[in-house]
Protein backbone atom coordinates (compact mmCIF):
# COMPACT_ATOMS: atom_id res chain seq x y z
CA MET A 1 -5.43 -15.65 -39.37
CA THR A 2 -3.08 -14.36 -36.68
CA THR A 3 -4.02 -11.02 -35.15
CA GLU A 4 -1.10 -8.71 -34.43
CA ARG A 5 -1.22 -7.54 -30.85
CA ALA A 6 -0.57 -4.31 -28.99
CA PHE A 7 0.05 -4.13 -25.24
CA VAL A 8 -1.48 -1.94 -22.57
CA ALA A 9 -0.07 -1.72 -19.03
CA THR A 10 -1.83 -3.18 -15.99
CA PRO A 11 -2.53 -1.13 -12.81
CA TYR A 12 0.02 1.14 -11.16
CA LEU A 13 3.03 -1.00 -10.25
CA PRO A 14 6.25 1.05 -10.26
CA GLU A 15 9.25 -0.51 -11.96
CA ALA A 16 11.15 -0.40 -8.68
CA LEU A 17 8.77 -2.93 -7.16
CA GLU A 18 10.08 -6.36 -8.09
CA GLY A 19 8.01 -9.52 -8.08
CA PRO A 20 6.04 -11.67 -10.51
CA THR A 21 3.26 -9.06 -10.72
CA SER A 22 5.60 -6.21 -11.59
CA GLY A 23 5.63 -5.15 -15.20
CA VAL A 24 3.04 -7.75 -16.24
CA LEU A 25 1.27 -6.79 -19.43
CA HIS A 26 -2.10 -7.94 -20.66
CA SER A 27 -2.68 -7.87 -24.40
CA VAL A 28 -5.61 -6.70 -26.53
CA PRO A 29 -6.06 -6.86 -30.29
CA GLU A 30 -4.25 -3.95 -31.95
CA THR A 31 -7.39 -2.82 -33.75
CA LEU A 32 -9.13 -2.26 -30.39
CA ALA A 33 -6.22 -1.02 -28.31
CA THR A 34 -6.67 2.68 -29.04
CA SER A 35 -10.43 2.84 -28.56
CA VAL A 36 -10.31 0.72 -25.39
CA SER A 37 -7.47 2.63 -23.75
CA GLU A 38 -9.10 6.00 -24.39
CA ALA A 39 -12.08 4.98 -22.27
CA LEU A 40 -10.08 3.63 -19.32
CA PRO A 41 -9.39 5.42 -16.01
CA THR A 42 -5.89 6.42 -14.96
CA ILE A 43 -3.87 6.37 -11.75
CA ASN A 44 -0.69 8.44 -11.69
CA GLY A 45 -1.06 8.90 -15.44
CA LEU A 46 -1.12 5.16 -16.25
CA ARG A 47 -4.18 3.71 -17.97
CA LEU A 48 -5.67 0.62 -16.40
CA VAL A 49 -6.57 -2.61 -18.18
CA PHE A 50 -7.91 -5.22 -15.78
CA SER A 51 -9.01 -7.89 -18.23
CA ASN A 52 -8.85 -8.73 -21.90
CA GLU A 53 -11.05 -11.80 -21.58
CA GLU A 54 -14.13 -10.21 -23.17
CA ILE A 55 -12.05 -8.65 -25.94
CA SER A 56 -9.82 -11.54 -26.93
CA GLY A 57 -11.64 -14.58 -25.56
CA GLU A 58 -8.55 -15.49 -23.51
CA PRO A 59 -9.11 -16.75 -19.93
CA SER A 60 -8.35 -14.40 -17.05
CA PRO A 61 -5.16 -15.21 -15.11
CA GLN A 62 -5.30 -17.01 -11.77
CA PRO A 63 -4.01 -15.41 -8.55
CA GLN A 64 -0.24 -15.68 -8.29
CA PRO A 65 1.79 -15.10 -5.11
CA VAL A 66 4.62 -12.57 -5.36
CA GLY A 67 6.60 -14.34 -2.64
CA GLN A 68 6.32 -16.28 0.60
CA VAL A 69 6.94 -15.63 4.29
CA GLU A 70 7.66 -17.99 7.17
CA THR A 71 5.49 -17.55 10.26
CA SER A 72 4.84 -19.51 13.45
CA ALA A 73 1.82 -21.00 11.65
CA GLY A 74 3.89 -22.12 8.66
CA THR A 75 4.56 -20.77 5.16
CA LEU A 76 2.15 -18.17 3.78
CA ASP A 77 1.90 -16.75 0.27
CA ILE A 78 2.20 -13.00 -0.32
CA MET A 79 -0.64 -11.77 -2.53
CA ARG A 80 -0.57 -8.24 -3.96
CA PHE A 81 -3.37 -7.19 -6.30
CA TYR A 82 -5.77 -4.42 -7.27
CA ASP A 83 -9.53 -4.50 -6.74
CA GLY A 84 -11.05 -5.77 -9.99
CA GLU A 85 -7.88 -7.40 -11.26
CA PRO A 86 -8.85 -10.58 -13.15
CA GLY A 87 -8.72 -13.83 -11.22
CA TYR A 88 -8.79 -12.17 -7.78
CA ASP A 89 -12.55 -11.74 -7.23
CA ALA A 90 -12.85 -14.73 -4.88
CA LEU A 91 -9.84 -13.65 -2.82
CA MET A 92 -11.15 -10.07 -2.66
CA ASP A 93 -14.50 -11.38 -1.36
CA LYS A 94 -12.66 -13.33 1.38
CA VAL A 95 -10.62 -10.26 2.35
CA VAL A 96 -13.71 -8.02 2.56
CA GLU A 97 -15.65 -10.60 4.59
CA GLY A 98 -12.69 -11.21 6.90
CA ARG A 99 -12.44 -7.49 7.58
CA ARG A 100 -16.18 -7.27 8.36
CA LYS A 101 -16.01 -10.23 10.77
CA TRP A 102 -12.94 -8.83 12.57
CA TYR A 103 -14.47 -5.38 13.03
CA THR A 104 -17.76 -6.91 14.19
CA ALA A 105 -16.00 -9.22 16.67
CA HIS A 106 -14.14 -6.24 18.15
CA ASN A 107 -17.38 -4.25 18.52
CA LEU A 108 -16.42 -1.69 15.89
CA LEU A 109 -19.18 -2.67 13.46
CA LYS A 110 -22.76 -3.62 14.26
CA GLU A 111 -24.11 -7.05 13.36
CA GLY A 112 -25.39 -7.00 9.79
CA ALA A 113 -23.31 -3.92 8.89
CA PRO A 114 -22.57 -3.56 5.16
CA ASN A 115 -19.22 -4.61 3.79
CA ASP A 116 -16.40 -2.14 3.17
CA SER A 117 -17.53 0.51 0.68
CA ILE A 118 -13.99 1.64 -0.20
CA ARG A 119 -13.56 -0.30 -3.43
CA GLY A 120 -12.39 0.33 -6.98
CA ALA A 121 -9.34 0.55 -9.20
CA ASN A 122 -7.49 2.77 -6.70
CA VAL A 123 -7.56 0.00 -4.06
CA GLU A 124 -4.51 -2.25 -3.77
CA VAL A 125 -4.72 -5.23 -1.41
CA LEU A 126 -1.81 -6.89 0.36
CA ALA A 127 -2.61 -10.24 1.97
CA LEU A 128 -0.84 -13.27 3.39
CA THR A 129 -2.74 -16.41 2.41
CA THR A 130 -2.56 -20.18 2.85
CA PRO A 131 -0.74 -21.73 -0.14
CA ALA A 132 -3.38 -24.34 -1.01
CA GLU A 133 -6.74 -22.68 -0.34
CA ALA A 134 -5.64 -19.01 -0.71
CA ASP A 135 -7.49 -18.20 2.53
CA PRO A 136 -6.26 -14.87 3.94
CA ALA A 137 -4.58 -14.95 7.35
CA VAL A 138 -4.08 -11.18 7.48
CA SER A 139 -4.54 -8.33 5.04
CA LEU A 140 -4.60 -4.57 4.60
CA ARG A 141 -5.78 -2.11 1.99
CA LYS A 142 -3.87 0.68 0.26
CA TRP A 143 -5.79 3.52 -1.38
CA HIS A 144 -3.77 5.16 -4.16
CA THR A 145 -4.48 8.77 -5.11
CA GLU A 146 -4.78 9.66 -8.78
CA ALA A 147 -2.53 12.69 -8.29
CA PRO A 148 0.66 11.35 -6.63
CA ASN A 149 0.74 13.60 -3.55
CA ASN A 150 -2.89 14.69 -3.20
CA VAL A 151 -3.69 13.62 0.34
CA TRP A 152 -7.15 15.19 -0.07
CA GLU A 153 -8.13 12.20 -2.21
CA THR A 154 -7.69 9.73 0.65
CA PRO A 155 -11.02 8.78 2.30
CA SER A 156 -10.13 9.08 5.98
CA PHE A 157 -8.08 12.28 5.71
CA VAL A 158 -11.09 14.04 4.17
CA LYS A 159 -13.20 12.95 7.16
CA PHE A 160 -10.64 14.29 9.63
CA ALA A 161 -10.22 17.56 7.75
CA ASP A 162 -13.96 18.15 7.37
CA ALA A 163 -14.41 17.58 11.11
CA GLY A 164 -11.54 19.98 11.94
CA LYS A 165 -9.49 17.23 13.57
CA ILE A 166 -6.15 17.81 11.79
CA SER A 167 -3.92 20.03 13.92
CA LEU A 168 -1.57 22.75 12.70
CA SER A 169 1.45 20.72 13.79
CA GLY A 170 -0.06 17.72 11.98
CA LEU A 171 -0.38 19.74 8.79
CA LEU A 172 3.26 20.79 9.06
CA LYS A 173 4.40 17.19 9.59
CA LEU A 174 2.33 16.17 6.59
CA LYS A 175 3.69 18.99 4.43
CA TYR A 176 7.33 18.07 5.04
CA ALA A 177 6.65 14.35 4.63
CA LEU A 178 4.91 14.91 1.29
CA GLU A 179 7.95 16.85 0.08
CA ARG A 180 10.24 13.92 0.94
CA ASN A 181 8.15 11.24 -0.79
CA ASP A 182 6.91 10.56 -4.32
CA SER A 183 3.32 9.65 -3.48
CA VAL A 184 0.84 9.22 -0.64
CA VAL A 185 -1.33 6.18 0.11
CA GLU A 186 -3.92 5.52 2.77
CA ILE A 187 -3.39 2.30 4.71
CA GLY A 188 -6.54 0.81 6.18
CA ALA A 189 -8.80 -2.20 6.72
CA LEU A 190 -6.15 -4.17 8.62
CA TRP A 191 -7.47 -7.41 10.10
CA LYS A 192 -6.05 -10.77 11.14
CA ASP A 193 -7.59 -14.21 11.48
CA GLY A 194 -7.54 -15.13 15.20
CA ALA A 195 -5.92 -18.47 14.42
CA TYR A 196 -2.65 -16.72 13.56
CA GLY A 197 -0.10 -15.09 15.84
CA ALA A 198 1.17 -11.54 16.07
CA ASP A 199 4.21 -12.45 13.96
CA THR A 200 1.83 -12.78 10.99
CA THR A 201 0.83 -9.12 11.34
CA LEU A 202 4.52 -8.21 11.65
CA ALA A 203 5.27 -10.12 8.43
CA LEU A 204 2.49 -8.27 6.62
CA TYR A 205 3.72 -4.87 7.78
CA ARG A 206 7.30 -5.77 6.81
CA THR A 207 6.11 -6.63 3.30
CA ALA A 208 4.08 -3.40 3.08
CA LEU A 209 7.02 -1.40 4.43
CA HIS A 210 9.39 -2.82 1.80
CA ASP A 211 6.92 -2.09 -0.99
CA SER A 212 6.52 1.52 0.10
CA ILE A 213 10.25 2.10 0.65
CA LYS A 214 10.82 1.03 -2.96
CA ARG A 215 7.99 3.27 -4.18
CA LYS A 216 8.80 6.21 -1.82
CA GLU A 217 5.23 6.23 -0.51
CA LEU A 218 3.99 8.14 2.53
CA TRP A 219 1.36 6.37 4.64
CA VAL A 220 -1.61 8.28 6.05
CA MET A 221 -3.97 6.30 8.24
CA GLY A 222 -7.19 6.56 10.18
CA VAL A 223 -6.65 3.74 12.68
CA VAL A 224 -8.91 2.49 15.45
CA THR A 225 -7.54 2.75 18.99
CA LYS A 226 -6.59 -0.94 19.24
CA GLN A 227 -4.56 -0.81 16.03
CA LYS A 228 -2.94 2.51 16.92
CA LYS A 229 -1.60 0.91 20.11
CA LEU A 230 -0.37 -2.04 18.04
CA LEU A 231 1.45 0.29 15.63
CA GLU A 232 3.04 2.22 18.50
CA ARG A 233 4.27 -1.00 20.11
CA MET A 234 5.58 -2.27 16.79
CA PHE A 235 7.09 0.89 15.30
CA GLY A 236 7.38 3.30 18.25
CA PRO A 237 6.02 6.83 18.71
CA GLY A 238 8.94 8.27 16.77
CA VAL A 239 7.64 6.51 13.65
CA VAL A 240 3.87 6.68 14.21
CA GLN A 241 3.23 10.43 14.09
CA ASP A 242 -0.07 11.91 15.30
CA LEU A 243 -1.69 14.38 12.91
CA GLY A 244 -4.50 15.55 15.16
CA GLU A 245 -7.44 14.47 17.29
CA PRO A 246 -9.47 11.23 17.15
CA LEU A 247 -12.81 11.07 15.37
CA THR A 248 -15.86 8.93 16.16
CA ILE A 249 -17.24 7.35 12.99
CA GLU A 250 -20.97 7.86 12.51
CA GLY A 251 -23.14 5.75 10.22
CA GLU A 252 -21.70 3.08 7.91
CA GLY A 253 -22.79 0.47 10.47
CA ALA A 254 -20.20 1.68 12.98
CA THR A 255 -20.64 1.35 16.74
CA THR A 256 -19.88 4.10 19.25
CA LYS A 257 -16.50 2.43 19.85
CA ALA A 258 -15.43 3.05 16.25
CA VAL A 259 -12.99 5.85 17.04
CA ILE A 260 -10.17 6.48 14.55
CA HIS A 261 -6.93 8.42 14.97
CA PRO A 262 -5.12 10.38 12.21
CA VAL A 263 -1.49 9.27 11.89
CA GLN A 264 1.26 9.15 9.31
CA ILE A 265 4.25 6.86 8.80
CA GLU A 266 7.16 7.55 6.45
CA PRO A 267 8.46 4.13 5.39
CA CYS A 268 11.68 5.60 3.93
CA GLN A 269 12.48 7.17 7.31
CA VAL A 270 11.53 4.20 9.54
CA ILE A 271 14.88 2.40 9.51
CA GLY A 272 16.84 5.62 10.05
CA THR A 273 14.58 6.58 12.96
CA TRP A 274 15.01 3.19 14.64
CA LEU A 275 18.76 3.34 14.13
CA ALA A 276 19.03 6.79 15.73
CA GLU A 277 16.75 5.83 18.61
CA SER A 278 18.60 2.57 19.32
CA GLN A 279 21.99 4.29 19.32
CA ALA A 280 20.76 7.09 21.61
CA ALA A 281 19.19 4.56 24.00
CA LYS A 282 22.31 2.40 24.17
CA ALA A 283 24.49 5.46 24.74
CA ALA A 284 22.26 6.33 27.70
CA GLY A 285 22.46 2.79 29.07
CA ASP A 286 18.80 2.10 28.23
CA VAL A 287 18.33 -1.59 27.43
CA ARG A 288 15.34 -0.72 25.25
CA GLY A 289 17.85 0.35 22.64
CA LEU A 290 18.53 -3.32 21.97
CA ASP A 291 14.81 -3.93 21.33
CA LYS A 292 14.81 -1.17 18.72
CA GLU A 293 17.85 -2.64 17.04
CA VAL A 294 16.34 -6.13 16.95
CA MET A 295 13.16 -4.74 15.37
CA MET A 296 15.24 -2.77 12.85
CA TRP A 297 17.17 -5.84 11.65
CA THR A 298 13.97 -7.90 11.61
CA MET A 299 12.19 -5.42 9.34
CA LEU A 300 15.27 -5.04 7.12
CA LYS A 301 15.24 -8.74 6.27
CA GLY A 302 14.85 -9.19 2.51
CA LEU A 303 15.19 -5.49 1.61
CA ASP A 304 17.85 -4.27 -0.81
CA TRP A 305 19.55 -1.37 0.96
CA LYS A 306 19.86 0.58 -2.29
CA TYR A 307 16.28 1.76 -1.69
CA LEU A 308 17.14 3.32 1.67
CA PRO A 309 18.28 6.93 2.05
CA ALA A 310 22.04 7.11 1.44
CA GLU A 311 22.85 8.21 5.01
CA THR A 312 20.85 5.29 6.46
CA SER A 313 22.49 2.60 4.32
CA ALA A 314 25.93 4.13 5.06
CA ALA A 315 25.25 4.02 8.81
CA LEU A 316 24.11 0.39 8.59
CA ARG A 317 27.25 -0.61 6.67
CA LYS A 318 29.36 1.13 9.30
CA ILE A 319 27.70 -0.96 12.04
CA LEU A 320 28.34 -4.16 10.12
CA TYR A 321 31.97 -3.20 9.53
CA GLU A 322 32.54 -2.34 13.20
CA ASN A 323 30.94 -5.59 14.35
CA SER A 324 32.98 -7.67 11.93
CA SER A 325 36.15 -5.92 13.13
CA LEU A 326 35.29 -6.71 16.76
CA ALA A 327 34.60 -10.34 15.85
CA ALA A 328 37.97 -10.60 14.15
């Protein structure tokens, strides 16, 4: 006898985010769909179904890359998944262990410290992995809030606020940024395998940036000093905005060097900021303007400009038109 099936959506993946994982549906028998969905948690109003294996007897899916990137170390798969999503347990374990090893090696965690406690259905992982073994080369974590713009749900922001580390100017920056974006996510747990170069981290951030431009997400971050300097070199101080004072993490296996800084990044404004900064620098005869422009075009690679603010895409098209006219 064939059982008619109903469908329940998988974790929060906005329609604007293309890729093999976007819009994937897992099925459950129609007779159980209502009772199962009523008991499930929600993120941004969408009920979560991570597996139908126990319900239907069907095997859980295997990890599937949503794309590939070329790096100095070769081709890497792009993996995007939620904590608890079927088929990704082994990869999640590798990501968590890699993060623990990196933080321990950089004297931010003590030997024997517990693994990352920020887990659950709100956690999305973005990783670049080897195609054959699915070993992560670099990864980061995104914490999604259940209410789209409730920054008070993000783990690190609560720590900063409770310790009185968010400044008044930081609150104002955050207020205006929240008004310009559809949701807020916390970016954290960045680590990279030492066998890979800095271009691998750049490729990961480019992928994350594209995802968040399409989703209109604001990034809030509690970053350690080393990674804050990396972000400022990569994006520039005009993009990486300080929200207050640093905080020393206590407990959780952290060392005294585990100092985090509250910052925000608006992915939808990044390209426009770089464009304005590069044009101003070149007008002033500053050669660093060229560096900004090179970074801008590098990070734009693979992004459909329809997701950019209208004034930014118009300015980019104007540059292309002027350059093509000069070439002619």
